[in-house]
Amino acid sequence: MRKLFVSHTTEFMLFAVIIAMSLVLAFTTDRFFTLGNVFDLLNISAVNIIFAVGLLVVLISGGIDISFAVAASIVQYVTALALERIGGGGWLSGFLIAAGIGIVLGMINAFLIHRFRIISIVATIATFNVYFGLLMFFTKGVSIYNLPDWLTNRVIIYEREMADGSWAEITLPVVVMAVCTLATWLFITRTTTGRQLYAFGDNPEGARRFGINIGAMQFIAFGWLGLMAGIAGLMQAHYAQEVVPNALYGRELDVLAAVVLGGARLGGGKGSVLGCVLGVLLVSITQNGLNLMGVSPFAFKMIVGAIILVAITLSSARIGNLVPAFTTRKSTDDRSAHSGGS
């Protein structure tokens, strides 16, 4: 039990914080612990969790990407136009188009980073602005409301009527989120490629010497995030029942804060799907609680900023703790080698 706690300290701490915060909100608000509010939290968090598991793979590989939310906005718009061109399509064509466009946009980031040796955050800041500028230039900020019926008709997986006559519903994005989360967990923990991503993020030079293809790792990581961004964009269009060019603008910082808070190390080589999901839920619960208490939404932005600061500080501390340990181990090894040689 102790070994399990030590290896998953971040996840246990996040879970404890979520429980404590939920208990406080249960006593300070009337609606927080209602089934309708819990289901709303899941429905609202679904898109961010899909983003988050994609970003987790990039962070594990030692990269960072802040362009995924804008990429999802492009996916929404282009997919809507493509579906109109082919006469409406269906869920299969929608997923294939959205996933394909998302992967291409992710691969563009990987190409810039690998081919021109650009630092990932610099490359994605550039593509963030290019993507958003192109989107707003060609769309002129005009939303699309004329979407196929299959995309706008809400798919309800489970529903229950409440005492006040309202309905608590679990919708399609939650199921898609669960599938994406499971797929990411299987990918990074049960495949050779996933283990190589961890190794590459933890020690790029060592991974290269071991024979791991550096370019392949970058394309796979950013391609996976692109895939998740494409799916998240389609789910956002389904949930909102419209395509708004700037609807997802700004989500990237909320998701980044949640993923790093969930234990993903900015230096690469560390992170778990469970911690990632708990991080997103913690941020969502914070926002939901502030809304129920009538607190200004600007307070939430301040809290997200504080979360980013704390998460990055903790991540930097974890990286810093590795350096003395590595130096001590190296010195010990050198002394042993010297003694053996003499």
Protein backbone atom coordinates (compact mmCIF):
# COMPACT_ATOMS: atom_id res chain seq x y z
CA MET A 1 0.00 0.00 0.00
CA ARG A 2 2.82 2.37 0.91
CA LYS A 3 4.60 1.63 -2.36
CA LEU A 4 1.39 2.39 -4.28
CA PHE A 5 1.00 5.71 -2.43
CA VAL A 6 4.61 6.73 -3.04
CA SER A 7 4.40 5.96 -6.76
CA HIS A 8 1.10 7.85 -7.13
CA THR A 9 1.52 10.65 -4.58
CA THR A 10 0.26 13.37 -6.92
CA GLU A 11 -2.89 11.44 -7.81
CA PHE A 12 -3.71 10.72 -4.15
CA MET A 13 -3.14 14.37 -3.22
CA LEU A 14 -5.36 15.60 -6.05
CA PHE A 15 -8.08 13.15 -5.11
CA ALA A 16 -7.90 14.33 -1.48
CA VAL A 17 -8.14 17.98 -2.55
CA ILE A 18 -11.13 17.22 -4.80
CA ILE A 19 -12.92 15.43 -1.93
CA ALA A 20 -12.18 18.29 0.49
CA MET A 21 -13.31 20.93 -1.99
CA SER A 22 -16.46 18.98 -2.82
CA LEU A 23 -17.39 18.72 0.87
CA VAL A 24 -16.90 22.46 1.34
CA LEU A 25 -19.03 23.25 -1.73
CA ALA A 26 -21.70 20.79 -0.55
CA PHE A 27 -22.12 22.80 2.66
CA THR A 28 -21.84 26.26 1.06
CA THR A 29 -24.12 25.70 -1.95
CA ASP A 30 -27.42 23.93 -2.46
CA ARG A 31 -26.81 22.57 -5.96
CA PHE A 32 -23.27 21.24 -6.01
CA PHE A 33 -24.04 17.67 -4.89
CA THR A 34 -27.13 17.29 -7.06
CA LEU A 35 -27.07 14.65 -9.79
CA GLY A 36 -27.82 17.28 -12.42
CA ASN A 37 -24.79 19.35 -11.44
CA VAL A 38 -22.49 16.30 -11.32
CA PHE A 39 -23.61 15.26 -14.81
CA ASP A 40 -23.18 18.84 -16.05
CA LEU A 41 -19.62 18.81 -14.70
CA LEU A 42 -18.86 15.65 -16.68
CA ASN A 43 -20.45 16.99 -19.87
CA ILE A 44 -18.64 20.32 -19.61
CA SER A 45 -15.28 18.71 -18.71
CA ALA A 46 -15.37 16.14 -21.53
CA VAL A 47 -13.78 18.34 -24.23
CA ASN A 48 -11.04 19.59 -21.89
CA ILE A 49 -10.20 16.03 -20.80
CA ILE A 50 -9.88 14.96 -24.45
CA PHE A 51 -7.51 17.91 -24.97
CA ALA A 52 -5.65 17.04 -21.80
CA VAL A 53 -4.87 13.40 -22.59
CA GLY A 54 -3.50 14.52 -25.95
CA LEU A 55 -1.37 17.24 -24.36
CA LEU A 56 -0.15 14.71 -21.78
CA VAL A 57 1.52 12.66 -24.52
CA VAL A 58 3.36 15.75 -25.80
CA LEU A 59 4.51 16.71 -22.29
CA ILE A 60 5.70 13.15 -21.62
CA SER A 61 7.83 13.37 -24.77
CA GLY A 62 9.48 16.54 -23.46
CA GLY A 63 7.57 18.98 -25.68
CA ILE A 64 4.86 21.55 -25.10
CA ASP A 65 2.02 22.74 -27.33
CA ILE A 66 -0.30 25.70 -26.86
CA SER A 67 -1.85 25.67 -30.34
CA PHE A 68 -4.17 22.66 -29.91
CA ALA A 69 -7.30 24.64 -28.94
CA VAL A 70 -7.01 26.86 -32.00
CA ALA A 71 -6.30 23.78 -34.12
CA ALA A 72 -9.57 22.29 -32.80
CA SER A 73 -11.35 25.49 -33.85
CA ILE A 74 -9.99 25.05 -37.38
CA VAL A 75 -11.09 21.42 -37.33
CA GLN A 76 -14.62 22.46 -36.37
CA TYR A 77 -14.94 24.95 -39.20
CA VAL A 78 -13.30 22.92 -41.95
CA THR A 79 -15.21 19.78 -40.95
CA ALA A 80 -18.51 21.68 -41.07
CA LEU A 81 -17.70 23.00 -44.55
CA ALA A 82 -16.58 19.55 -45.73
CA LEU A 83 -19.74 17.92 -44.44
CA GLU A 84 -21.82 20.51 -46.24
CA ARG A 85 -19.90 19.77 -49.45
CA ILE A 86 -20.56 16.01 -49.25
CA GLY A 87 -24.22 16.44 -48.41
CA GLY A 88 -24.20 16.02 -44.63
CA GLY A 89 -22.34 12.75 -44.08
CA GLY A 90 -22.63 10.93 -40.77
CA TRP A 91 -20.73 10.25 -37.57
CA LEU A 92 -18.13 8.07 -39.30
CA SER A 93 -17.30 10.65 -41.95
CA GLY A 94 -17.34 13.39 -39.31
CA PHE A 95 -14.84 11.59 -37.09
CA LEU A 96 -12.59 10.68 -40.03
CA ILE A 97 -12.51 14.25 -41.38
CA ALA A 98 -11.98 15.84 -37.96
CA ALA A 99 -9.30 13.32 -36.94
CA GLY A 100 -7.48 13.68 -40.27
CA ILE A 101 -7.38 17.48 -40.14
CA GLY A 102 -6.28 17.41 -36.51
CA ILE A 103 -3.43 15.00 -37.21
CA VAL A 104 -2.21 17.15 -40.12
CA LEU A 105 -2.16 20.27 -37.93
CA GLY A 106 -0.28 18.38 -35.22
CA MET A 107 2.21 17.06 -37.77
CA ILE A 108 2.92 20.62 -38.94
CA ASN A 109 4.09 21.45 -35.42
CA ALA A 110 6.22 18.31 -35.31
CA PHE A 111 7.75 19.13 -38.70
CA LEU A 112 8.74 22.65 -37.62
CA ILE A 113 10.23 21.39 -34.36
CA HIS A 114 12.14 18.48 -35.87
CA ARG A 115 13.21 19.93 -39.23
CA PHE A 116 14.24 23.41 -38.06
CA ARG A 117 15.22 22.50 -34.47
CA ILE A 118 12.80 25.08 -33.04
CA ILE A 119 11.93 24.88 -29.35
CA SER A 120 8.43 23.41 -29.14
CA ILE A 121 6.86 26.26 -27.17
CA VAL A 122 8.23 28.81 -29.67
CA ALA A 123 7.01 26.77 -32.64
CA THR A 124 3.53 26.34 -31.19
CA ILE A 125 3.25 30.01 -30.21
CA ALA A 126 3.93 30.75 -33.87
CA THR A 127 1.40 28.21 -35.18
CA PHE A 128 -1.12 29.36 -32.55
CA ASN A 129 -1.05 32.84 -34.05
CA VAL A 130 -0.88 31.63 -37.66
CA TYR A 131 -3.78 29.19 -37.20
CA PHE A 132 -5.96 31.72 -35.40
CA GLY A 133 -5.12 34.51 -37.84
CA LEU A 134 -5.95 32.35 -40.85
CA LEU A 135 -9.17 31.13 -39.23
CA MET A 136 -10.45 34.61 -38.45
CA PHE A 137 -9.29 35.99 -41.81
CA PHE A 138 -11.11 33.40 -43.91
CA THR A 139 -14.20 33.08 -41.69
CA LYS A 140 -14.41 36.81 -40.82
CA GLY A 141 -15.59 35.63 -37.41
CA VAL A 142 -18.87 34.30 -38.83
CA SER A 143 -20.33 31.30 -37.01
CA ILE A 144 -21.91 28.27 -38.69
CA TYR A 145 -25.38 27.31 -37.46
CA ASN A 146 -26.54 25.18 -40.37
CA LEU A 147 -25.03 21.86 -39.29
CA PRO A 148 -26.22 18.33 -40.19
CA ASP A 149 -29.01 16.98 -38.01
CA TRP A 150 -26.91 14.04 -36.80
CA LEU A 151 -24.34 16.49 -35.40
CA THR A 152 -26.80 18.85 -33.70
CA ASN A 153 -29.22 16.27 -32.30
CA ARG A 154 -28.09 15.67 -28.73
CA VAL A 155 -27.12 12.03 -28.16
CA ILE A 156 -28.17 11.15 -24.61
CA ILE A 157 -26.52 8.06 -23.15
CA TYR A 158 -28.29 8.18 -19.79
CA GLU A 159 -30.95 10.48 -18.36
CA ARG A 160 -32.94 10.77 -15.18
CA GLU A 161 -35.76 13.12 -14.24
CA MET A 162 -35.16 15.13 -11.08
CA ALA A 163 -37.68 16.09 -8.41
CA ASP A 164 -38.00 19.63 -9.79
CA GLY A 165 -38.89 18.33 -13.26
CA SER A 166 -35.46 18.95 -14.83
CA TRP A 167 -33.41 16.19 -16.44
CA ALA A 168 -29.91 15.02 -15.53
CA GLU A 169 -28.17 13.73 -18.66
CA ILE A 170 -24.96 12.03 -19.69
CA THR A 171 -24.28 12.91 -23.33
CA LEU A 172 -22.10 11.55 -26.14
CA PRO A 173 -18.99 13.71 -25.39
CA VAL A 174 -18.59 11.92 -22.04
CA VAL A 175 -18.47 8.51 -23.74
CA VAL A 176 -16.04 9.78 -26.39
CA MET A 177 -13.92 11.27 -23.61
CA ALA A 178 -13.85 7.90 -21.82
CA VAL A 179 -12.74 6.13 -25.02
CA CYS A 180 -10.00 8.71 -25.69
CA THR A 181 -8.80 8.46 -22.09
CA LEU A 182 -8.65 4.66 -22.23
CA ALA A 183 -6.92 4.72 -25.64
CA THR A 184 -4.28 7.15 -24.35
CA TRP A 185 -3.69 5.06 -21.23
CA LEU A 186 -3.24 1.91 -23.31
CA PHE A 187 -0.98 3.75 -25.74
CA ILE A 188 1.46 5.18 -23.19
CA THR A 189 1.51 2.26 -20.75
CA ARG A 190 0.98 -0.86 -22.83
CA THR A 191 2.91 -0.22 -26.05
CA THR A 192 6.59 -0.09 -26.90
CA THR A 193 6.09 3.32 -28.50
CA GLY A 194 4.60 4.66 -25.27
CA ARG A 195 7.59 3.47 -23.25
CA GLN A 196 9.90 5.03 -25.83
CA LEU A 197 8.07 8.36 -25.43
CA TYR A 198 8.76 8.28 -21.69
CA ALA A 199 12.42 7.42 -22.31
CA PHE A 200 12.77 10.14 -24.94
CA GLY A 201 11.19 12.77 -22.70
CA ASP A 202 13.31 11.78 -19.71
CA ASN A 203 16.63 11.67 -21.55
CA PRO A 204 16.56 12.64 -25.26
CA GLU A 205 20.27 12.10 -25.82
CA GLY A 206 20.25 8.73 -24.07
CA ALA A 207 17.21 7.70 -26.10
CA ARG A 208 18.96 8.70 -29.32
CA ARG A 209 22.03 6.67 -28.43
CA PHE A 210 19.80 3.74 -27.56
CA GLY A 211 18.45 3.82 -31.12
CA ILE A 212 15.08 5.52 -30.59
CA ASN A 213 14.03 7.54 -33.64
CA ILE A 214 13.79 11.12 -32.35
CA GLY A 215 11.81 12.41 -35.33
CA ALA A 216 9.30 9.57 -35.05
CA MET A 217 8.75 10.32 -31.36
CA GLN A 218 7.98 13.98 -32.08
CA PHE A 219 5.64 13.20 -34.96
CA ILE A 220 3.81 10.55 -32.93
CA ALA A 221 3.42 12.79 -29.87
CA PHE A 222 2.19 15.88 -31.74
CA GLY A 223 0.15 13.72 -34.11
CA TRP A 224 -1.63 12.14 -31.13
CA LEU A 225 -2.42 15.58 -29.71
CA GLY A 226 -3.67 16.62 -33.15
CA LEU A 227 -5.92 13.56 -33.24
CA MET A 228 -7.35 14.39 -29.81
CA ALA A 229 -7.79 18.05 -30.79
CA GLY A 230 -9.72 17.00 -33.89
CA ILE A 231 -12.04 14.76 -31.89
CA ALA A 232 -12.48 17.42 -29.20
CA GLY A 233 -13.37 20.00 -31.84
CA LEU A 234 -16.09 17.75 -33.26
CA MET A 235 -17.46 17.07 -29.77
CA GLN A 236 -17.51 20.79 -28.99
CA ALA A 237 -19.54 21.43 -32.15
CA HIS A 238 -21.93 18.64 -31.15
CA TYR A 239 -22.31 19.93 -27.59
CA ALA A 240 -22.75 23.59 -28.59
CA GLN A 241 -24.81 22.72 -31.70
CA GLU A 242 -22.97 25.41 -33.62
CA VAL A 243 -19.46 26.27 -34.81
CA VAL A 244 -18.05 29.50 -33.39
CA PRO A 245 -14.53 30.34 -34.67
CA ASN A 246 -13.20 31.59 -31.33
CA ALA A 247 -15.23 29.33 -29.01
CA LEU A 248 -12.18 27.32 -27.90
CA TYR A 249 -9.76 30.26 -27.85
CA GLY A 250 -8.11 30.44 -24.41
CA ARG A 251 -8.73 26.82 -23.40
CA GLU A 252 -5.06 25.97 -23.84
CA LEU A 253 -3.93 27.59 -20.57
CA ASP A 254 -6.70 25.96 -18.51
CA VAL A 255 -5.80 22.54 -19.93
CA LEU A 256 -2.06 23.07 -19.54
CA ALA A 257 -2.54 24.09 -15.91
CA ALA A 258 -4.66 21.01 -15.25
CA VAL A 259 -2.24 18.56 -16.88
CA VAL A 260 0.84 19.93 -15.12
CA LEU A 261 -1.08 20.05 -11.86
CA GLY A 262 -1.89 16.38 -12.48
CA GLY A 263 1.80 15.48 -12.30
CA ALA A 264 3.05 15.82 -15.88
CA ARG A 265 6.59 17.18 -15.76
CA LEU A 266 7.42 20.06 -18.07
CA GLY A 267 10.88 18.56 -18.54
CA GLY A 268 9.33 15.38 -19.97
CA GLY A 269 9.39 11.73 -18.98
CA LYS A 270 6.67 11.87 -16.31
CA GLY A 271 2.88 11.97 -16.22
CA SER A 272 -0.16 9.75 -15.87
CA VAL A 273 -3.61 9.68 -17.42
CA LEU A 274 -5.27 9.45 -14.00
CA GLY A 275 -3.44 12.53 -12.72
CA CYS A 276 -4.29 14.35 -15.93
CA VAL A 277 -8.04 13.61 -15.57
CA LEU A 278 -8.03 14.56 -11.88
CA GLY A 279 -6.28 17.83 -12.71
CA VAL A 280 -8.97 18.76 -15.23
CA LEU A 281 -11.73 17.80 -12.80
CA LEU A 282 -10.16 19.91 -10.05
CA VAL A 283 -10.07 22.97 -12.33
CA SER A 284 -13.65 22.31 -13.48
CA ILE A 285 -14.91 21.86 -9.92
CA THR A 286 -13.21 25.13 -8.94
CA GLN A 287 -14.94 26.99 -11.76
CA ASN A 288 -18.27 25.31 -11.07
CA GLY A 289 -18.06 26.10 -7.35
CA LEU A 290 -17.27 29.75 -7.97
CA ASN A 291 -20.22 30.01 -10.36
CA LEU A 292 -22.59 28.44 -7.82
CA MET A 293 -21.38 30.85 -5.15
CA GLY A 294 -21.88 33.81 -7.47
CA VAL A 295 -18.19 34.75 -7.60
CA SER A 296 -17.00 36.83 -10.57
CA PRO A 297 -15.62 34.75 -13.49
CA PHE A 298 -12.52 36.94 -13.40
CA ALA A 299 -11.68 35.32 -10.05
CA PHE A 300 -11.49 31.98 -11.85
CA LYS A 301 -8.88 33.37 -14.25
CA MET A 302 -6.82 34.52 -11.28
CA ILE A 303 -7.09 31.08 -9.72
CA VAL A 304 -6.05 29.39 -12.99
CA GLY A 305 -3.04 31.71 -13.11
CA ALA A 306 -2.15 30.73 -9.55
CA ILE A 307 -2.60 27.04 -10.41
CA ILE A 308 -0.23 27.42 -13.38
CA LEU A 309 2.34 29.15 -11.14
CA VAL A 310 2.11 26.49 -8.43
CA ALA A 311 2.14 23.62 -10.93
CA ILE A 312 5.17 24.95 -12.78
CA THR A 313 6.98 25.63 -9.50
CA LEU A 314 6.34 22.08 -8.32
CA SER A 315 7.38 20.70 -11.72
CA SER A 316 10.60 22.73 -11.62
CA ALA A 317 11.26 21.52 -8.09
CA ARG A 318 10.87 17.91 -9.23
CA ILE A 319 13.35 18.56 -12.04
CA GLY A 320 15.73 20.27 -9.60
CA ASN A 321 15.61 17.32 -7.23
CA LEU A 322 16.74 15.04 -10.03
CA VAL A 323 19.93 16.98 -10.68
CA PRO A 324 21.65 16.44 -7.28
CA ALA A 325 20.61 12.80 -7.30
CA PHE A 326 22.03 12.30 -10.78
CA THR A 327 25.23 14.17 -9.87
CA THR A 328 25.72 12.11 -6.69
CA ARG A 329 25.11 8.85 -8.53
CA LYS A 330 27.51 9.85 -11.30
CA SER A 331 30.23 10.82 -8.80
CA THR A 332 29.79 7.49 -7.01
CA ASP A 333 30.02 5.61 -10.28
CA ASP A 334 33.14 7.55 -11.26
CA ARG A 335 34.81 6.78 -7.93
CA SER A 336 33.91 3.11 -8.27
CA ALA A 337 35.31 2.97 -11.79
CA HIS A 338 38.49 4.73 -10.64
CA SER A 339 38.94 2.34 -7.72
CA GLY A 340 38.38 -0.63 -9.99
CA GLY A 341 40.92 0.66 -12.47
CA SER A 342 43.60 1.16 -9.82
